[in-house]
Amino acid sequence: MKKIGILFGKERSFPQALIERINSKGVEGIVAEPVRIDKVMQGEPTDYDVIFDRISQDVPFYRAYLKNAALTGTAVLNNPFWWSADEKFFNNCLATKIGVPVPKTVILPSRDLPTDTSDDSFTNLAYPMDWEGIFNYVGFPAYMKPFAGGGWKNVYRLENIEEFFNAHGETGQLVMLLQEEIVFEEYYRCYCIGGKYVRIMPYEPRNPSHLRYVADFKPSEERLAQMEEIVLRINKYLGYDFNTVELALRDGIPYAIDFCNPAPDADINSVGQENFDWVVETAATYAIEKAQSVDRSRDNLTWGEYLKRGASNADTLI
């Protein structure tokens, strides 16, 4: 019997529906359940052939558990080693190398010194920084947000330099991005599962959270195909089993705004019934596919093209 475990926190609708859908498919030799952890011993395997991770980004203990599980043959979705290393600024840097349009973006050192550091820790950092060059590059209005954050926490829309310095003064030890504002005609949030299944959803981020998937625009078939190719290209290089990509259309060009979302919102109350049904069905299908292909004697993680090319000592990483 191969077991699929779902590791989750406060969310309820998606994990429970996913477990029920996997089990209702009645695939011989496959069963799904919530992950249960009563001890974690180094180098010892778990009971699970596949673990679908929805919470380890917030719980370091779970992340360590998943890395141990992966080392002992479990297919962890998403790869906990890559997820631990990835962040939004790197995503944008990678996009510039694989031909995906992204907003002009810079990374900023934290306003306050990190714990256990002093001014002497920043010998290599210019002071003051080239603020004029930064502001000329990004322009205003601009957005400032954490370089590794999620959701809408600590996100600022800034009209000018004065607003920037006032807002940056509130960010403490957070490392922030300053990013060009893309004034868009249409906006889409796109699920990508297994590097092959894509769901493109009209999305209006300016609406209240419960109405963001209610939009009055729809892509043409040509635009749909273009966006699907971009979503697949991004996830091919990042290697995520489950991710969302946000695309903003400006002058007909899709700009990737945010595509480091390895535990994206899948709650029925926010995404709506139709999108919820798709993500549950598709995630169930992919989890079963992974379970059927797992060989516990080898590595069963998904590794992105960026890392695979580096590991193979290719002449070019991109």
Protein backbone atom coordinates (compact mmCIF):
# COMPACT_ATOMS: atom_id res chain seq x y z
CA MET A 1 0.00 0.00 0.00
CA LYS A 2 1.36 3.42 -0.98
CA LYS A 3 0.40 6.31 1.28
CA ILE A 4 -0.09 9.96 0.34
CA GLY A 5 0.10 12.31 3.31
CA ILE A 6 -1.20 15.89 3.39
CA LEU A 7 0.72 18.23 5.72
CA PHE A 8 -1.31 21.34 6.50
CA GLY A 9 -2.06 23.98 9.12
CA LYS A 10 -5.17 26.11 9.68
CA GLU A 11 -6.66 25.60 6.23
CA ARG A 12 -9.40 23.01 6.00
CA SER A 13 -11.36 22.99 2.73
CA PHE A 14 -8.53 22.08 0.33
CA PRO A 15 -6.62 19.46 2.40
CA GLN A 16 -9.78 17.63 3.41
CA ALA A 17 -11.21 17.70 -0.11
CA LEU A 18 -7.90 16.48 -1.55
CA ILE A 19 -7.77 13.52 0.82
CA GLU A 20 -11.39 12.63 0.08
CA ARG A 21 -10.89 12.91 -3.69
CA ILE A 22 -7.76 10.74 -3.76
CA ASN A 23 -9.51 8.05 -1.74
CA SER A 24 -12.75 8.29 -3.74
CA LYS A 25 -10.88 7.51 -6.96
CA GLY A 26 -10.41 3.99 -5.62
CA VAL A 27 -6.97 3.50 -7.15
CA GLU A 28 -5.72 0.09 -6.06
CA GLY A 29 -2.84 0.30 -3.60
CA ILE A 30 -3.20 4.07 -2.98
CA VAL A 31 -4.54 5.73 0.17
CA ALA A 32 -4.42 9.35 1.39
CA GLU A 33 -4.56 10.75 4.93
CA PRO A 34 -3.40 13.72 7.03
CA VAL A 35 0.28 13.39 7.94
CA ARG A 36 0.79 12.29 11.54
CA ILE A 37 4.17 12.89 13.23
CA ASP A 38 4.92 11.44 16.64
CA LYS A 39 8.73 11.35 16.39
CA VAL A 40 11.45 12.23 13.89
CA MET A 41 14.66 10.20 13.96
CA GLN A 42 17.61 11.02 11.75
CA GLY A 43 17.82 8.94 8.61
CA GLU A 44 14.66 6.97 9.40
CA PRO A 45 11.95 6.82 6.67
CA THR A 46 8.39 8.00 7.13
CA ASP A 47 5.28 5.96 6.39
CA TYR A 48 4.51 8.15 3.38
CA ASP A 49 5.47 7.65 -0.24
CA VAL A 50 4.23 11.15 -1.10
CA ILE A 51 3.77 14.16 1.17
CA PHE A 52 1.87 17.19 -0.10
CA ASP A 53 3.28 20.14 1.88
CA ARG A 54 1.04 23.12 2.64
CA ILE A 55 2.56 24.53 5.84
CA SER A 56 6.32 23.99 6.31
CA GLN A 57 7.10 27.54 5.14
CA ASP A 58 5.74 28.65 8.53
CA VAL A 59 6.99 25.77 10.70
CA PRO A 60 10.76 25.07 10.66
CA PHE A 61 10.23 21.76 12.49
CA TYR A 62 8.07 20.55 9.59
CA ARG A 63 10.66 21.68 7.05
CA ALA A 64 13.35 19.62 8.80
CA TYR A 65 10.98 16.65 8.94
CA LEU A 66 10.32 16.92 5.19
CA LYS A 67 14.01 17.07 4.31
CA ASN A 68 14.61 13.89 6.29
CA ALA A 69 11.62 12.29 4.58
CA ALA A 70 12.97 13.27 1.17
CA LEU A 71 16.40 11.83 1.98
CA THR A 72 14.74 8.52 2.81
CA GLY A 73 12.78 8.26 -0.44
CA THR A 74 9.55 10.20 0.05
CA ALA A 75 8.37 12.38 -2.85
CA VAL A 76 7.76 15.73 -1.14
CA LEU A 77 5.63 18.23 -3.05
CA ASN A 78 7.24 20.81 -3.22
CA ASN A 79 10.95 20.01 -2.98
CA PRO A 80 11.82 21.27 0.55
CA PHE A 81 15.48 21.89 -0.31
CA TRP A 82 14.70 24.17 -3.23
CA TRP A 83 11.80 25.85 -1.44
CA SER A 84 14.17 26.66 1.43
CA ALA A 85 16.62 28.33 -0.97
CA ASP A 86 14.19 30.19 -3.23
CA GLU A 87 12.85 33.73 -2.86
CA LYS A 88 11.11 36.35 -4.96
CA PHE A 89 14.16 38.38 -5.96
CA PHE A 90 15.89 35.30 -7.35
CA ASN A 91 12.71 34.45 -9.23
CA ASN A 92 12.80 37.83 -10.93
CA CYS A 93 16.50 37.51 -11.71
CA LEU A 94 15.88 34.10 -13.28
CA ALA A 95 12.98 35.48 -15.33
CA THR A 96 15.29 38.02 -16.95
CA LYS A 97 17.46 35.12 -18.17
CA ILE A 98 14.67 32.92 -19.56
CA GLY A 99 12.86 35.61 -21.52
CA VAL A 100 9.92 36.29 -19.21
CA PRO A 101 9.01 39.99 -18.85
CA VAL A 102 9.07 41.19 -15.23
CA PRO A 103 8.80 44.61 -13.55
CA LYS A 104 12.02 46.51 -12.90
CA THR A 105 13.03 45.39 -9.42
CA VAL A 106 15.80 46.05 -6.90
CA ILE A 107 16.53 44.44 -3.54
CA LEU A 108 17.13 46.63 -0.48
CA PRO A 109 19.07 45.93 2.72
CA SER A 110 16.93 45.90 5.85
CA ARG A 111 16.26 49.26 7.49
CA ASP A 112 17.35 47.96 10.91
CA LEU A 113 20.47 45.92 11.55
CA PRO A 114 19.85 42.16 11.74
CA THR A 115 20.11 40.64 15.20
CA ASP A 116 23.70 40.06 16.38
CA THR A 117 25.18 42.43 13.78
CA SER A 118 26.65 45.92 14.02
CA ASP A 119 27.71 48.64 11.61
CA ASP A 120 31.01 46.77 11.25
CA SER A 121 29.13 43.83 9.76
CA PHE A 122 28.38 45.92 6.67
CA THR A 123 31.86 46.91 5.56
CA ASN A 124 30.98 46.09 1.96
CA LEU A 125 27.72 48.04 1.83
CA ALA A 126 27.89 51.59 0.50
CA TYR A 127 26.38 54.30 2.68
CA PRO A 128 24.38 56.04 1.55
CA MET A 129 23.25 53.76 -1.21
CA ASP A 130 22.76 55.10 -4.72
CA TRP A 131 19.15 56.06 -4.05
CA GLU A 132 19.01 58.33 -7.08
CA GLY A 133 20.06 55.47 -9.36
CA ILE A 134 17.58 53.12 -7.71
CA PHE A 135 14.65 55.52 -8.00
CA ASN A 136 15.51 56.44 -11.60
CA TYR A 137 15.59 52.74 -12.52
CA VAL A 138 12.34 51.68 -10.82
CA GLY A 139 10.35 54.91 -11.12
CA PHE A 140 7.21 55.94 -9.23
CA PRO A 141 4.57 54.84 -8.43
CA ALA A 142 6.26 51.71 -7.13
CA TYR A 143 5.56 48.79 -4.82
CA MET A 144 7.69 47.75 -1.88
CA LYS A 145 7.27 44.26 -0.45
CA PRO A 146 9.31 41.59 1.39
CA PHE A 147 11.75 39.74 -0.84
CA ALA A 148 10.70 36.40 0.62
CA GLY A 149 7.24 37.17 1.97
CA GLY A 150 3.84 35.79 1.06
CA GLY A 151 0.34 37.12 0.71
CA TRP A 152 -0.29 40.83 1.12
CA LYS A 153 1.69 41.36 4.34
CA ASN A 154 3.97 44.43 4.51
CA VAL A 155 3.15 45.55 0.97
CA TYR A 156 3.30 49.29 0.23
CA ARG A 157 2.26 51.30 -2.82
CA LEU A 158 4.48 54.39 -3.01
CA GLU A 159 3.91 57.58 -4.98
CA ASN A 160 7.21 59.34 -4.35
CA ILE A 161 10.56 59.37 -2.56
CA GLU A 162 9.15 60.79 0.67
CA GLU A 163 6.60 57.99 0.91
CA PHE A 164 9.35 55.46 0.22
CA PHE A 165 11.55 56.58 3.12
CA ASN A 166 8.56 56.83 5.48
CA ALA A 167 7.45 53.30 4.59
CA HIS A 168 10.96 51.83 4.60
CA GLY A 169 11.39 53.19 8.10
CA GLU A 170 8.57 50.89 9.23
CA THR A 171 10.03 47.67 7.84
CA GLY A 172 12.48 46.83 10.63
CA GLN A 173 14.69 43.87 9.77
CA LEU A 174 12.69 42.84 6.70
CA VAL A 175 14.64 42.72 3.44
CA MET A 176 12.45 44.45 0.88
CA LEU A 177 12.01 44.67 -2.87
CA LEU A 178 11.26 47.92 -4.63
CA GLN A 179 9.38 47.17 -7.83
CA GLU A 180 8.04 49.09 -10.77
CA GLU A 181 4.27 49.40 -10.85
CA ILE A 182 2.71 47.65 -13.84
CA VAL A 183 -0.51 49.47 -14.71
CA PHE A 184 -2.40 46.55 -16.19
CA GLU A 185 -5.45 46.07 -18.38
CA GLU A 186 -5.98 42.47 -17.26
CA TYR A 187 -4.56 40.31 -14.48
CA TYR A 188 -4.41 36.52 -14.14
CA ARG A 189 -3.51 34.08 -11.38
CA CYS A 190 -2.39 30.73 -12.76
CA TYR A 191 -2.13 27.40 -10.98
CA CYS A 192 0.59 25.08 -12.22
CA ILE A 193 0.58 21.49 -10.97
CA GLY A 194 3.14 18.86 -11.87
CA GLY A 195 4.84 21.17 -14.32
CA LYS A 196 2.18 20.28 -16.89
CA TYR A 197 -1.33 21.11 -15.65
CA VAL A 198 -2.23 24.81 -15.87
CA ARG A 199 -5.34 26.69 -14.80
CA ILE A 200 -5.47 30.36 -15.83
CA MET A 201 -7.91 32.37 -13.73
CA PRO A 202 -8.97 35.98 -14.31
CA TYR A 203 -8.09 37.82 -11.10
CA GLU A 204 -8.68 41.36 -9.86
CA PRO A 205 -6.20 42.11 -7.05
CA ARG A 206 -7.81 45.52 -6.43
CA ASN A 207 -11.04 43.86 -5.28
CA PRO A 208 -11.69 42.77 -1.68
CA SER A 209 -10.12 39.36 -1.01
CA HIS A 210 -13.39 37.42 -1.37
CA LEU A 211 -14.06 39.01 -4.78
CA ARG A 212 -10.63 38.83 -6.40
CA TYR A 213 -11.57 35.88 -8.60
CA VAL A 214 -14.58 37.82 -9.89
CA ALA A 215 -13.36 39.68 -12.98
CA ASP A 216 -15.06 41.04 -16.11
CA PHE A 217 -12.36 40.06 -18.62
CA LYS A 218 -11.39 36.84 -20.37
CA PRO A 219 -8.31 35.95 -22.44
CA SER A 220 -8.42 35.12 -26.14
CA GLU A 221 -7.30 31.65 -27.20
CA GLU A 222 -4.02 33.14 -28.46
CA ARG A 223 -3.41 34.96 -25.18
CA LEU A 224 -4.35 31.87 -23.20
CA ALA A 225 -1.75 29.81 -25.05
CA GLN A 226 0.88 32.53 -24.58
CA MET A 227 0.28 32.72 -20.83
CA GLU A 228 0.25 28.94 -20.44
CA GLU A 229 3.64 28.73 -22.14
CA ILE A 230 5.06 31.37 -19.78
CA VAL A 231 3.68 29.57 -16.72
CA LEU A 232 5.16 26.25 -17.84
CA ARG A 233 8.52 27.85 -18.69
CA ILE A 234 8.80 29.44 -15.25
CA ASN A 235 7.92 26.25 -13.41
CA LYS A 236 10.20 24.16 -15.61
CA TYR A 237 13.15 26.21 -14.37
CA LEU A 238 12.00 26.49 -10.75
CA GLY A 239 10.91 22.86 -10.46
CA TYR A 240 7.80 23.38 -8.38
CA ASP A 241 5.17 20.63 -8.26
CA PHE A 242 2.52 23.12 -7.11
CA ASN A 243 2.79 26.86 -7.61
CA THR A 244 0.92 29.90 -8.82
CA VAL A 245 2.12 32.53 -11.28
CA GLU A 246 0.55 35.98 -11.39
CA LEU A 247 0.56 37.70 -14.78
CA ALA A 248 -0.32 41.35 -15.42
CA LEU A 249 -1.06 42.40 -19.00
CA ARG A 250 0.26 45.82 -19.93
CA ASP A 251 -0.05 46.87 -23.58
CA GLY A 252 -0.81 43.23 -24.37
CA ILE A 253 2.44 41.94 -22.79
CA PRO A 254 2.14 39.49 -19.86
CA TYR A 255 4.47 40.53 -17.02
CA ALA A 256 5.20 37.95 -14.33
CA ILE A 257 4.51 39.79 -11.07
CA ASP A 258 4.72 37.07 -8.44
CA PHE A 259 5.60 33.44 -9.05
CA CYS A 260 7.10 32.17 -5.80
CA ASN A 261 3.89 30.77 -4.29
CA PRO A 262 4.58 27.11 -3.46
CA ALA A 263 1.67 26.95 -0.99
CA PRO A 264 -0.86 29.06 -2.89
CA ASP A 265 -4.35 29.84 -1.67
CA ALA A 266 -6.74 27.05 -2.61
CA ASP A 267 -9.58 27.74 -0.20
CA ILE A 268 -13.04 27.35 -1.68
CA ASN A 269 -14.21 30.60 -0.11
CA SER A 270 -11.66 32.68 -2.00
CA VAL A 271 -11.01 30.83 -5.28
CA GLY A 272 -14.64 29.85 -5.90
CA GLN A 273 -16.26 26.49 -6.57
CA GLU A 274 -15.14 26.01 -10.19
CA ASN A 275 -11.47 26.77 -9.52
CA PHE A 276 -11.59 24.77 -6.29
CA ASP A 277 -12.95 21.70 -8.08
CA TRP A 278 -10.17 21.96 -10.68
CA VAL A 279 -7.33 22.27 -8.20
CA VAL A 280 -8.63 19.41 -6.02
CA GLU A 281 -9.09 17.09 -8.99
CA THR A 282 -5.77 17.98 -10.59
CA ALA A 283 -3.77 17.81 -7.36
CA ALA A 284 -5.33 14.41 -6.62
CA THR A 285 -4.43 13.13 -10.07
CA TYR A 286 -0.84 14.34 -9.78
CA ALA A 287 -0.34 13.03 -6.23
CA ILE A 288 -1.50 9.59 -7.38
CA GLU A 289 0.85 9.75 -10.38
CA LYS A 290 3.75 10.54 -8.06
CA ALA A 291 2.84 7.75 -5.65
CA GLN A 292 2.68 5.22 -8.45
CA SER A 293 6.13 6.21 -9.71
CA VAL A 294 7.89 6.40 -6.34
CA ASP A 295 10.88 4.15 -5.79
CA ARG A 296 11.90 4.56 -2.15
CA SER A 297 15.46 3.46 -2.95
CA ARG A 298 16.15 6.64 -4.93
CA ASP A 299 15.57 10.39 -4.86
CA ASN A 300 11.95 11.21 -5.73
CA LEU A 301 12.06 14.99 -5.60
CA THR A 302 11.37 17.32 -8.51
CA TRP A 303 14.41 19.41 -9.43
CA GLY A 304 14.14 22.47 -11.64
CA GLU A 305 16.00 23.00 -14.87
CA TYR A 306 18.14 25.74 -13.33
CA LEU A 307 19.59 23.39 -10.72
CA LYS A 308 19.83 20.41 -13.07
CA ARG A 309 21.89 22.38 -15.56
CA GLY A 310 24.19 23.62 -12.83
CA ALA A 311 24.63 20.11 -11.43
CA SER A 312 25.52 18.76 -14.87
CA ASN A 313 28.24 21.40 -15.29
CA ALA A 314 26.61 22.65 -18.44
CA ASP A 315 28.43 25.37 -20.34
CA THR A 316 25.49 27.67 -19.66
CA LEU A 317 23.04 27.60 -16.75
CA ILE A 318 20.21 29.11 -18.74
